Protein backbone atom coordinates (compact mmCIF):
# COMPACT_ATOMS: atom_id res chain seq x y z
CA MET A 1 56.23 124.43 106.41
CA LEU A 2 55.48 127.02 104.05
CA ARG A 3 57.96 126.71 101.26
CA PHE A 4 59.65 129.25 99.13
CA GLY A 5 57.67 129.56 95.81
CA THR A 6 57.48 132.35 93.17
CA ALA A 7 59.96 135.16 95.06
CA GLY A 8 59.08 133.96 98.56
CA LEU A 9 55.97 132.45 100.86
CA ARG A 10 52.39 132.78 99.99
CA GLY A 11 49.72 130.60 102.00
CA PRO A 12 46.55 131.23 103.95
CA LEU A 13 46.20 133.22 106.92
CA ARG A 14 46.29 130.71 109.84
CA GLU A 15 48.17 129.41 112.68
CA GLY A 16 50.79 126.66 112.27
CA PRO A 17 54.04 126.40 109.83
CA ASP A 18 51.89 125.73 107.13
CA GLY A 19 49.97 129.10 107.36
CA MET A 20 50.85 132.80 107.00
CA ASN A 21 51.10 134.02 110.83
CA VAL A 22 53.61 136.02 112.88
CA THR A 23 55.50 133.19 113.85
CA THR A 24 56.09 131.92 110.16
CA VAL A 25 56.74 135.68 109.16
CA SER A 26 59.32 135.86 112.24
CA ARG A 27 61.16 132.84 111.38
CA ALA A 28 61.55 133.52 107.86
CA THR A 29 62.83 137.17 108.69
CA ALA A 30 65.53 135.56 111.15
CA GLY A 31 66.47 132.88 108.58
CA LEU A 32 66.59 135.40 105.59
CA ALA A 33 68.85 137.64 107.84
CA ASP A 34 71.09 134.73 108.90
CA TRP A 35 71.56 133.80 105.12
CA LEU A 36 72.65 137.56 104.52
CA ARG A 37 75.21 137.36 107.13
CA GLU A 38 76.62 134.16 106.01
CA ARG A 39 77.40 136.15 102.59
CA CYS A 40 79.16 139.15 104.48
CA LEU A 41 75.76 141.05 103.82
CA GLY A 42 75.28 141.84 107.31
CA GLY A 43 74.46 145.27 108.56
CA GLY A 44 73.47 146.41 104.77
CA ALA A 45 70.29 148.27 104.10
CA VAL A 46 67.09 146.38 104.03
CA VAL A 47 63.49 147.86 102.65
CA VAL A 48 60.21 146.60 104.14
CA GLY A 49 56.94 147.42 102.50
CA ARG A 50 53.28 145.88 103.00
CA ASP A 51 49.98 145.89 101.06
CA ALA A 52 46.45 146.38 102.57
CA ARG A 53 45.58 142.80 103.15
CA HIS A 54 44.62 141.08 106.60
CA GLY A 55 47.75 140.83 108.70
CA SER A 56 49.94 142.79 106.38
CA ALA A 57 50.47 145.49 108.75
CA GLU A 58 51.43 143.28 111.71
CA PHE A 59 53.55 141.27 109.38
CA ALA A 60 55.69 144.06 108.28
CA THR A 61 56.39 145.20 111.60
CA ALA A 62 57.49 142.03 112.75
CA THR A 63 59.72 141.83 109.65
CA ALA A 64 61.20 145.21 110.03
CA GLU A 65 61.78 144.55 114.06
CA ILE A 66 63.61 141.48 113.74
CA PHE A 67 66.01 142.73 111.08
CA THR A 68 66.68 145.68 113.30
CA ALA A 69 67.44 143.59 116.05
CA ALA A 70 69.39 141.55 113.84
CA GLY A 71 71.85 144.81 113.19
CA PHE A 72 70.23 145.67 109.64
CA PRO A 73 69.36 149.29 109.14
CA VAL A 74 65.69 149.18 107.93
CA THR A 75 63.61 151.46 105.71
CA VAL A 76 60.13 151.03 106.46
CA LEU A 77 57.87 152.33 103.69
CA PRO A 78 55.08 154.67 105.25
CA ASP A 79 51.41 153.20 104.59
CA PRO A 80 50.25 150.38 101.86
CA VAL A 81 52.62 150.53 99.05
CA PRO A 82 52.48 148.63 95.60
CA THR A 83 55.07 146.03 95.39
CA PRO A 84 56.85 147.57 92.29
CA VAL A 85 57.76 150.46 94.60
CA VAL A 86 59.52 148.07 97.05
CA ALA A 87 61.78 146.49 94.22
CA PHE A 88 62.35 150.10 93.03
CA ALA A 89 63.48 151.16 96.61
CA VAL A 90 66.16 148.20 96.69
CA ARG A 91 67.80 149.22 93.62
CA GLU A 92 67.50 152.79 94.54
CA LEU A 93 68.89 152.62 98.06
CA GLY A 94 71.43 149.61 97.22
CA ALA A 95 70.03 147.57 99.75
CA VAL A 96 70.70 144.09 100.38
CA ALA A 97 67.30 142.81 100.41
CA GLY A 98 63.67 143.72 100.38
CA VAL A 99 60.67 142.29 101.86
CA GLN A 100 57.05 143.08 100.57
CA ILE A 101 53.95 141.75 102.67
CA THR A 102 51.47 140.93 100.00
CA ALA A 103 50.00 138.02 98.04
CA SER A 104 49.26 139.77 95.07
CA HIS A 105 45.98 138.86 93.24
CA ASN A 106 45.41 135.82 95.63
CA PRO A 107 42.18 135.28 97.32
CA PRO A 108 41.31 137.41 100.41
CA ALA A 109 42.19 134.52 102.91
CA ASP A 110 45.64 134.55 101.65
CA ASN A 111 48.82 136.48 102.39
CA GLY A 112 52.57 136.21 101.36
CA TYR A 113 56.28 137.34 101.82
CA LYS A 114 57.88 138.47 98.74
CA VAL A 115 61.95 138.57 98.83
CA TYR A 116 63.85 140.97 96.93
CA LEU A 117 67.92 140.35 96.32
CA ASP A 118 70.49 141.15 93.68
CA GLY A 119 69.61 144.78 93.03
CA GLY A 120 65.65 144.65 93.33
CA SER A 121 65.35 141.12 91.61
CA GLN A 122 63.06 138.08 93.04
CA LEU A 123 65.15 135.54 94.47
CA ILE A 124 66.25 132.46 92.55
CA ALA A 125 67.75 129.03 93.33
CA PRO A 126 69.71 127.98 95.05
CA ALA A 127 69.14 130.98 97.29
CA ASP A 128 65.67 129.92 98.03
CA SER A 129 66.66 126.42 99.27
CA GLU A 130 69.28 127.94 101.19
CA ILE A 131 67.16 130.38 103.06
CA GLU A 132 64.67 127.69 103.86
CA LYS A 133 67.68 125.52 105.57
CA ARG A 134 68.41 128.79 107.66
CA ILE A 135 64.82 129.43 108.44
CA GLU A 136 64.12 125.54 109.74
CA ALA A 137 67.31 125.90 112.00
CA VAL A 138 65.78 129.47 113.74
CA ALA A 139 65.35 129.05 117.49
CA GLU A 140 62.32 130.61 119.16
CA PRO A 141 61.75 133.44 120.35
CA VAL A 142 63.04 135.66 117.82
CA ALA A 143 64.46 139.25 118.96
CA ARG A 144 62.69 142.23 117.94
CA GLU A 145 63.65 145.83 118.40
CA ALA A 146 61.38 148.72 117.56
CA VAL A 147 61.91 150.63 114.37
CA SER A 148 60.04 153.76 113.32
CA THR A 149 58.64 154.20 109.50
CA SER A 150 60.61 156.09 106.76
CA GLY A 151 61.03 156.29 103.22
CA ALA A 152 58.16 158.64 102.40
CA ASP A 153 60.73 160.00 99.98
CA LEU A 154 61.50 156.72 98.01
CA VAL A 155 57.89 156.89 97.02
CA ASP A 156 58.07 160.44 95.69
CA ARG A 157 61.22 159.30 93.80
CA TYR A 158 59.33 156.33 92.19
CA LEU A 159 56.75 158.82 91.27
CA GLU A 160 59.14 161.18 89.78
CA ARG A 161 60.88 158.39 87.62
CA VAL A 162 57.38 157.09 86.36
CA GLY A 163 56.36 160.23 85.30
CA GLN A 164 59.50 160.67 82.94
CA LEU A 165 58.59 157.27 81.31
CA PRO A 166 56.75 159.18 78.21
CA ARG A 167 59.90 161.23 77.50
CA LEU A 168 62.23 158.30 78.12
CA LEU A 169 60.40 155.66 76.37
CA GLY A 170 57.82 157.29 73.83
CA GLY A 171 60.34 159.78 72.43
CA PRO A 172 59.23 162.78 70.48
CA GLY A 173 55.77 162.89 68.66
CA GLU A 174 52.68 164.61 69.12
CA ARG A 175 50.23 163.34 71.45
CA ALA A 176 46.74 163.65 71.74
CA ASP A 177 44.57 163.83 74.99
CA VAL A 178 43.34 160.92 76.45
CA ARG A 179 40.70 159.79 78.52
CA ILE A 180 41.39 156.77 80.91
CA ALA A 181 39.27 154.42 82.90
CA LEU A 182 41.03 152.89 86.00
CA THR A 183 40.27 150.24 88.53
CA ALA A 184 42.61 149.28 91.54
CA LEU A 185 40.39 146.00 92.44
CA HIS A 186 40.06 147.12 96.20
CA GLY A 187 44.16 147.16 95.95
CA VAL A 188 46.90 149.58 96.77
CA GLY A 189 47.67 151.13 93.66
CA GLY A 190 44.80 153.57 92.81
CA GLU A 191 46.07 156.36 94.46
CA LEU A 192 49.47 156.17 93.17
CA ALA A 193 48.75 155.21 89.72
CA VAL A 194 46.50 158.17 89.66
CA ARG A 195 49.31 160.64 90.83
CA ALA A 196 51.86 158.57 88.58
CA LEU A 197 49.49 159.25 85.39
CA ALA A 198 49.11 163.27 86.17
CA ALA A 199 52.93 163.18 86.70
CA ALA A 200 53.22 162.01 83.31
CA GLY A 201 50.43 164.44 81.92
CA PHE A 202 47.45 162.34 81.88
CA THR A 203 44.90 163.98 84.08
CA ASP A 204 41.57 162.80 82.59
CA VAL A 205 41.32 159.57 84.83
CA ARG A 206 38.09 158.43 85.95
CA VAL A 207 38.30 155.40 88.45
CA VAL A 208 35.92 152.82 89.59
CA GLU A 209 34.88 154.39 92.96
CA GLU A 210 33.45 150.78 94.10
CA GLN A 211 36.91 149.46 93.90
CA PHE A 212 39.49 152.25 94.43
CA ALA A 213 39.94 152.21 98.04
CA PRO A 214 42.10 149.30 99.76
CA ASP A 215 39.87 146.74 100.81
CA PRO A 216 41.29 143.38 102.08
CA ASP A 217 37.72 141.58 101.51
CA PHE A 218 37.49 142.38 97.84
CA PRO A 219 33.82 142.57 98.07
CA THR A 220 33.09 143.23 94.19
CA VAL A 221 35.23 140.53 92.79
CA SER A 222 35.32 136.65 93.51
CA PHE A 223 39.15 136.68 92.64
CA PRO A 224 41.06 139.94 92.77
CA ASN A 225 42.72 139.14 89.52
CA PRO A 226 41.94 141.33 86.32
CA GLU A 227 42.49 138.05 84.07
CA GLU A 228 39.44 136.40 85.85
CA PRO A 229 36.22 136.29 84.16
CA GLY A 230 33.96 139.42 85.38
CA ALA A 231 36.83 140.94 87.51
CA ALA A 232 36.91 143.96 84.78
CA ASP A 233 33.19 144.19 84.49
CA LEU A 234 32.78 147.22 86.42
CA LEU A 235 35.85 148.84 84.48
CA LEU A 236 34.65 148.14 81.15
CA ALA A 237 31.20 149.40 81.98
CA LEU A 238 32.74 152.42 83.14
CA ALA A 239 35.00 152.94 80.04
CA GLU A 240 31.85 152.87 77.95
CA ARG A 241 29.91 155.13 79.96
CA ILE A 242 32.51 157.76 79.84
CA ASP A 243 33.87 157.21 76.13
CA ALA A 244 37.28 156.40 77.43
CA ASP A 245 40.46 155.94 75.16
CA VAL A 246 41.66 153.01 77.13
CA ALA A 247 40.71 151.08 80.36
CA ILE A 248 43.53 150.15 82.65
CA ALA A 249 43.16 147.42 85.30
CA LEU A 250 45.72 146.86 88.03
CA ASP A 251 46.01 143.96 90.13
CA PRO A 252 45.67 144.47 94.20
CA ASP A 253 49.31 144.97 94.72
CA ALA A 254 49.67 146.87 91.19
CA ASP A 255 52.36 144.84 89.84
CA ARG A 256 50.38 143.60 86.78
CA CYS A 257 48.34 145.74 84.46
CA ALA A 258 45.77 144.98 82.17
CA LEU A 259 44.12 147.03 79.30
CA GLY A 260 40.59 147.30 77.89
CA VAL A 261 39.71 148.43 74.45
CA PRO A 262 36.64 149.16 72.55
CA GLY A 263 35.79 146.59 69.72
CA PRO A 264 32.75 146.12 67.24
CA THR A 265 30.87 144.26 69.94
CA GLY A 266 31.74 146.59 72.97
CA TRP A 267 34.60 146.86 75.23
CA HIS A 268 36.88 143.82 75.73
CA MET A 269 40.00 143.30 77.94
CA LEU A 270 43.22 142.52 75.85
CA ARG A 271 45.35 139.46 76.51
CA GLY A 272 48.86 139.77 78.41
CA ASP A 273 50.13 138.95 75.15
CA GLU A 274 48.66 141.63 73.26
CA THR A 275 49.56 144.16 75.49
CA GLY A 276 53.20 142.81 75.76
CA VAL A 277 53.79 143.17 72.19
CA LEU A 278 52.31 146.55 72.02
CA LEU A 279 54.27 147.72 74.71
CA ALA A 280 57.40 146.02 73.24
CA ASP A 281 57.08 148.07 69.96
CA TYR A 282 56.66 151.21 72.09
CA VAL A 283 59.66 150.82 74.23
CA LEU A 284 61.93 149.64 71.26
CA ARG A 285 61.22 152.90 69.26
CA THR A 286 63.76 154.55 71.48
CA HIS A 287 66.21 151.90 71.76
CA PRO A 288 67.90 151.39 68.46
CA THR A 289 71.13 150.18 69.79
CA ASP A 290 71.40 146.34 70.10
CA PRO A 291 68.17 146.26 72.65
CA LEU A 292 66.81 143.06 74.00
CA VAL A 293 63.25 142.21 74.63
CA ALA A 294 62.33 139.05 76.40
CA THR A 295 59.42 136.80 77.71
CA THR A 296 58.49 133.34 78.66
CA ILE A 297 58.06 129.92 77.28
CA VAL A 298 54.22 130.13 77.57
CA SER A 299 53.84 133.54 76.16
CA SER A 300 52.91 134.30 72.29
CA ARG A 301 55.73 133.63 69.59
CA LEU A 302 54.64 137.15 68.22
CA LEU A 303 57.22 139.03 70.01
CA SER A 304 60.23 136.87 68.68
CA LYS A 305 58.90 137.85 65.21
CA LEU A 306 58.73 141.61 66.14
CA ALA A 307 62.03 141.66 67.70
CA ALA A 308 63.52 140.44 64.41
CA ALA A 309 61.89 143.09 62.40
CA ARG A 310 62.62 145.91 64.90
CA SER A 311 66.36 144.71 64.75
CA ALA A 312 66.40 143.65 68.48
CA ARG A 313 67.49 140.71 70.25
CA TYR A 314 64.96 138.49 71.59
CA ALA A 315 65.24 135.93 74.62
CA GLU A 316 63.12 133.21 76.22
CA THR A 317 62.80 132.30 79.72
CA LEU A 318 61.03 130.11 82.25
CA THR A 319 57.67 131.65 83.81
CA GLY A 320 58.34 134.31 86.28
CA PHE A 321 60.02 137.68 86.44
CA LYS A 322 62.86 136.14 88.56
CA TRP A 323 64.03 134.78 85.24
CA LEU A 324 62.90 137.61 82.94
CA ALA A 325 64.80 140.22 84.61
CA ARG A 326 67.90 138.16 84.53
CA ALA A 327 67.12 137.28 80.40
CA GLY A 328 70.44 139.00 79.59
CA ASP A 329 72.49 142.16 79.09
CA GLY A 330 70.75 145.44 77.26
CA LEU A 331 67.39 144.38 78.70
CA VAL A 332 65.07 146.99 77.87
CA TYR A 333 61.57 145.54 78.06
CA ALA A 334 59.99 142.04 79.24
CA TYR A 335 56.63 140.84 79.75
CA GLU A 336 54.79 137.63 80.69
CA GLU A 337 51.51 136.52 79.31
CA ALA A 338 49.70 136.61 82.91
CA ILE A 339 49.72 140.83 82.35
CA GLY A 340 53.08 141.10 83.92
CA HIS A 341 55.22 143.85 82.18
CA CYS A 342 58.53 145.74 83.08
CA VAL A 343 59.09 148.63 80.85
CA ASP A 344 62.08 150.18 82.93
CA PRO A 345 64.10 147.21 83.76
CA SER A 346 67.06 149.95 84.85
CA LYS A 347 65.11 151.06 87.69
CA VAL A 348 62.46 148.14 88.47
CA ARG A 349 63.67 144.91 87.86
CA ASP A 350 60.37 143.11 88.03
CA LYS A 351 56.84 143.62 86.80
CA ASP A 352 55.59 146.81 87.39
CA GLY A 353 51.81 147.56 86.71
CA ILE A 354 51.81 151.62 87.31
CA SER A 355 54.81 151.97 84.97
CA ALA A 356 53.17 149.85 82.43
CA ALA A 357 49.69 151.94 82.88
CA VAL A 358 51.82 155.02 82.12
CA ALA A 359 53.61 153.48 79.12
CA ALA A 360 50.19 152.16 77.77
CA ALA A 361 48.38 155.70 78.41
CA ASP A 362 51.50 157.43 76.18
CA LEU A 363 51.19 154.94 73.58
CA VAL A 364 47.20 155.79 73.21
CA ALA A 365 48.11 159.16 72.97
CA LEU A 366 50.77 158.83 70.26
CA LEU A 367 48.44 156.34 68.49
CA LYS A 368 45.54 158.82 68.74
CA ALA A 369 47.32 161.78 67.44
CA GLN A 370 47.91 159.73 64.39
CA GLY A 371 44.24 158.62 64.06
CA LYS A 372 45.19 155.09 65.27
CA THR A 373 44.17 152.63 68.04
CA LEU A 374 45.40 149.89 69.96
CA GLN A 375 43.44 147.41 68.50
CA GLY A 376 44.41 148.81 64.97
CA GLU A 377 47.96 148.24 65.62
CA LEU A 378 47.22 144.69 67.01
CA ASP A 379 45.36 144.02 63.19
CA SER A 380 48.50 145.71 61.87
CA TYR A 381 50.88 143.00 63.29
CA ALA A 382 48.62 140.22 62.21
CA VAL A 383 49.02 141.49 58.45
CA GLU A 384 52.65 141.62 59.15
CA PHE A 385 53.59 138.80 60.89
CA GLY A 386 50.34 136.48 60.65
CA LEU A 387 47.41 136.11 63.08
CA HIS A 388 48.41 134.93 66.72
CA ALA A 389 45.40 134.38 68.39
CA GLY A 390 45.58 133.04 72.21
CA GLY A 391 43.77 131.77 74.92
CA GLN A 392 44.11 130.21 78.28
CA VAL A 393 42.23 127.24 80.35
CA SER A 394 42.98 127.43 84.13
CA LEU A 395 41.46 124.45 85.87
CA ARG A 396 41.22 125.17 89.50
CA LEU A 397 42.10 122.28 92.01
CA PRO A 398 41.84 121.55 95.62
CA ASP A 399 45.27 122.28 96.11
CA GLN A 400 48.53 122.92 94.10
CA ALA A 401 49.92 119.24 94.35
CA ALA A 402 46.76 118.18 92.23
CA ALA A 403 48.06 120.20 89.48
CA SER A 404 51.31 118.26 89.57
CA VAL A 405 49.93 114.89 89.99
CA LEU A 406 47.68 116.04 86.41
CA VAL A 407 50.87 116.84 84.59
CA ALA A 408 52.64 113.75 85.57
CA ALA A 409 49.64 111.72 84.29
CA LEU A 410 49.60 113.60 81.10
CA ARG A 411 53.28 112.98 80.71
CA ALA A 412 52.99 109.45 81.16
CA ASN A 413 50.44 109.16 78.34
CA PRO A 414 50.78 112.13 76.09
CA PRO A 415 48.42 112.25 72.90
CA SER A 416 49.66 111.76 69.39
CA ASP A 417 47.12 114.14 68.00
CA ILE A 418 44.90 117.06 69.39
CA ALA A 419 41.88 117.97 67.66
CA GLY A 420 42.43 115.77 64.89
CA THR A 421 46.16 116.84 64.21
CA PRO A 422 49.48 115.35 64.75
CA VAL A 423 51.30 117.14 67.47
CA LYS A 424 55.15 116.96 68.63
CA PHE A 425 55.35 116.43 72.20
CA THR A 426 58.00 118.06 74.21
CA ASP A 427 58.75 117.35 78.02
CA GLN A 428 60.44 120.48 79.52
CA ALA A 429 61.35 118.58 82.36
CA GLN A 430 63.64 116.58 80.19
CA VAL A 431 65.24 119.49 78.51
CA ARG A 432 68.66 120.37 79.52
CA GLY A 433 69.83 123.69 80.61
CA ARG A 434 68.02 126.84 81.71
CA LEU A 435 64.58 126.04 80.27
CA ARG A 436 63.87 122.82 82.44
CA THR A 437 60.93 122.88 84.14
CA ASP A 438 57.80 121.02 84.79
CA ALA A 439 55.89 121.80 81.71
CA LEU A 440 54.56 119.87 78.88
CA ILE A 441 54.61 121.45 75.32
CA PHE A 442 52.39 120.24 72.15
CA ASP A 443 53.21 121.72 68.72
CA ALA A 444 51.51 121.57 65.40
CA ASP A 445 51.78 123.33 62.25
CA ASP A 446 49.08 125.89 63.30
CA PHE A 447 48.68 125.87 66.90
CA ARG A 448 50.95 125.40 70.49
CA ILE A 449 49.73 124.37 73.85
CA VAL A 450 51.68 124.43 76.81
CA VAL A 451 50.36 122.84 80.10
CA ARG A 452 51.92 123.47 83.66
CA PRO A 453 51.00 123.48 87.10
CA SER A 454 50.70 127.02 88.71
CA GLY A 455 53.69 128.34 90.84
CA THR A 456 51.29 130.29 92.94
CA GLU A 457 47.75 129.05 93.00
CA PRO A 458 45.91 125.79 93.09
CA LYS A 459 45.72 125.68 89.11
CA LEU A 460 46.34 123.47 86.23
CA LYS A 461 47.34 126.32 83.24
CA CYS A 462 47.03 125.55 79.81
CA TYR A 463 48.49 128.27 77.27
CA LEU A 464 46.99 128.06 73.57
CA GLU A 465 48.25 129.77 70.57
CA VAL A 466 46.69 129.39 67.14
CA PHE A 467 48.72 130.70 64.17
CA ALA A 468 47.22 131.70 60.80
CA PRO A 469 48.75 133.42 57.86
CA VAL A 470 46.68 136.73 56.81
CA ALA A 471 47.22 137.96 53.41
CA ASP A 472 45.86 141.54 53.99
CA ARG A 473 43.22 143.40 55.95
CA ASP A 474 40.26 142.28 54.01
CA ASP A 475 41.54 138.49 55.11
CA LEU A 476 41.67 139.37 58.68
CA ASN A 477 38.00 138.84 59.91
CA ASP A 478 37.98 135.24 58.10
CA ALA A 479 41.32 134.53 59.84
CA LYS A 480 39.95 135.67 62.99
CA GLN A 481 36.73 133.60 62.94
CA ALA A 482 38.84 130.29 61.66
CA ALA A 483 41.24 130.99 64.57
CA ALA A 484 38.35 131.13 67.01
CA GLN A 485 36.99 127.79 65.88
CA ARG A 486 40.27 126.45 66.46
CA LEU A 487 41.05 127.70 69.83
CA SER A 488 37.34 126.41 70.94
CA GLN A 489 38.67 122.98 69.94
CA LEU A 490 41.82 123.21 71.65
CA THR A 491 40.03 124.70 74.73
CA THR A 492 37.74 121.57 74.70
CA PHE A 493 40.83 119.34 74.97
CA CYS A 494 42.11 121.28 77.61
CA ARG A 495 39.12 121.06 79.83
CA SER A 496 38.97 117.33 79.29
CA LEU A 497 42.51 116.68 81.07
CA ALA A 498 41.27 116.63 84.31
CA ASP A 499 38.93 113.77 83.48
CA SER A 500 41.38 111.91 81.47
CA ALA A 501 44.07 112.06 83.97
CA GLU A 502 41.77 110.39 86.70
């Protein structure tokens, strides 16, 4: 049986209990409904949405009809919608649960079943294992009752909120007009992102036409993830062609957002950590009273330094927004290095690519009015806090179990030095408390490596960060070159892990 991973089920479209199909979705919904009733939440409102992947419409219909037959009033969002709209709707309606049919940025052959509880947050343990037990106990066939779509007003309410973000987060200040290049990567966020940007005052938006309309086959990309090499090539080409101020890439369900900027050698995509610290600084300017910002154990250490300098509290969680959304009271911003950003946690307690796009556009407008750029701000952070250069190595494997095997082999025989430098080894699986997880950390004076199996894909992930002091801007280029050489050494080590573990 498919197991609840990050926020729900995800797997290939195929028959059988280990695949995404109507039977799997029906059993999952019946089990979730039973679990809600056990907690005296029967009869509470439920929100159901879907993306445009193969099977999504059929799976969403089955989900809505089974909840209806089980006595839950169901709001079925019309047409394919971005995942953050479902998270917003659950919180807006005070619903007891929400389900979004999506596989996010997985390959075309996959689909998934994402669950929201607790005011629009992703489910966490022990709810996941408890729901699995209820799913296993479901007797077939599962009763269904027809239900009509509704909830178009919730999309409008979401757009209204996102359109207000420049006023709420950016605060007063003169803004210049900005030109935006945008891609939806064949997902469901394109039209809504353009509408949201327009509502916020950004009307000069040019889109990658080949990738704008939803297409479940994702014909122009091998993997529909802005982080993958080559996925943003069409976007960067458009940005250069139209002389854009910023390039924005959404993933297929629009819960992630990546930014592209011009540089000395042409346009390039920013890392999630770079966008993360930029948006954190943007949000903190209008939250002067004891705000909290958060990121994960695999993200850059830079946010902790920025938070201290801006008189903000800082929290660190395990990977995933199911933890980040619960980082603590007073949370105003959270991000994970995998281009997930939560700029409005009071309304969307999950990553939201569309609201992040609006916030990023407003930051660009504020900086442009001052004659500044996103890259210039990042260089300023390097001078203020030291250079934090990062990278990631993802080793794609036959299945998710193979990644766990590699981590276990490295845990059993960890290196005492990496790239000629002694390292301190920490096994996060042995750490007591809330940060215990299947990850290995190697710390040195000038770098940090975190190794963990992916929770959603058959990958082993290595997160790299190099630290270097920067005396002034004249010293910055030399520091960047030295950091690039160091990252290359660490990348070589990480790529060797698969061979050394065999």
